[in-house]
Amino acid sequence: MSPNVVVLDYGSGNLRSAERAVARAGADVTVTADWDAALAADGLVVPGVGAFAACMAGLRSVRGEQIIGRRLAGGLPVLGICVGMQILFSKGIEHGVTTEGCDEWPGTVDGLEAPVVPHMGWNTVDVPDGSVLFQGLADARFYFVHSYAARRWELAPDPTGTIEPPLVTWAEHGDRFVAAVENGPLCATQFHPEKSGDAGARLLRNWLSTLS
């Protein structure tokens, strides 16, 4: 039986491409902002393009940050893509303006320091051991389009050692930045799997395989 996935509709521009890619990967997909549907789905995809502040405004308009929080509190999977990953951090800084994010992870999304910005095109990633998202994809290339990123990972390890630390995948464009995170039910990619050909399709299938 195919998993049921909701692509959260909060005004982001790449909803349909995300919908098509997740459907091709094997899910039954609905694009909606409906509270009950988003909470009941096997998986929730939070896409995002454009500015951090605009995405957070759109997300709050449909109580998206509450939907994400409720799902994660219940151990229900969420996948953020591009700005949909960035808004999971504590805050974003664009053009000197600070916007509060969802604060699922501590840290700041700010401008890439690179000779050429935006970072647009195909790039490799540095995959940690034990990754499920990148199973079979250690040497793959993925498609990025962004000028901002989380350039530091600030979540402190669990002092008791009872909680598995997140798996953080890195990439480089000028300097290092977070390319993906696997943190229990919360996963995210800075790149666009829906624009990353066979590698992106495999990654989405890997994510779908984790849905119960």
Foldseek 3Di string as FASTA:
>chain_A
DAFEEEEEDLPADCSVLVQVLLVVLGHRYDYYLDLVSLLPGLEYEYEHDDDLQVSQVSCVVSVNLVSVVVCVVVLRAYEYEASRVQLCEQWEADPNDIDGGSHVFYAYKYFDDAPDPPPFAKFAKCWDPPDLLCVVPNGAIFTAHDGIAGQDHDHDDDPVPPADDKTFMWTDHRHIGTQWIDHRRYIYGNTDLSPGPPSSSSSSNSNSVPGD
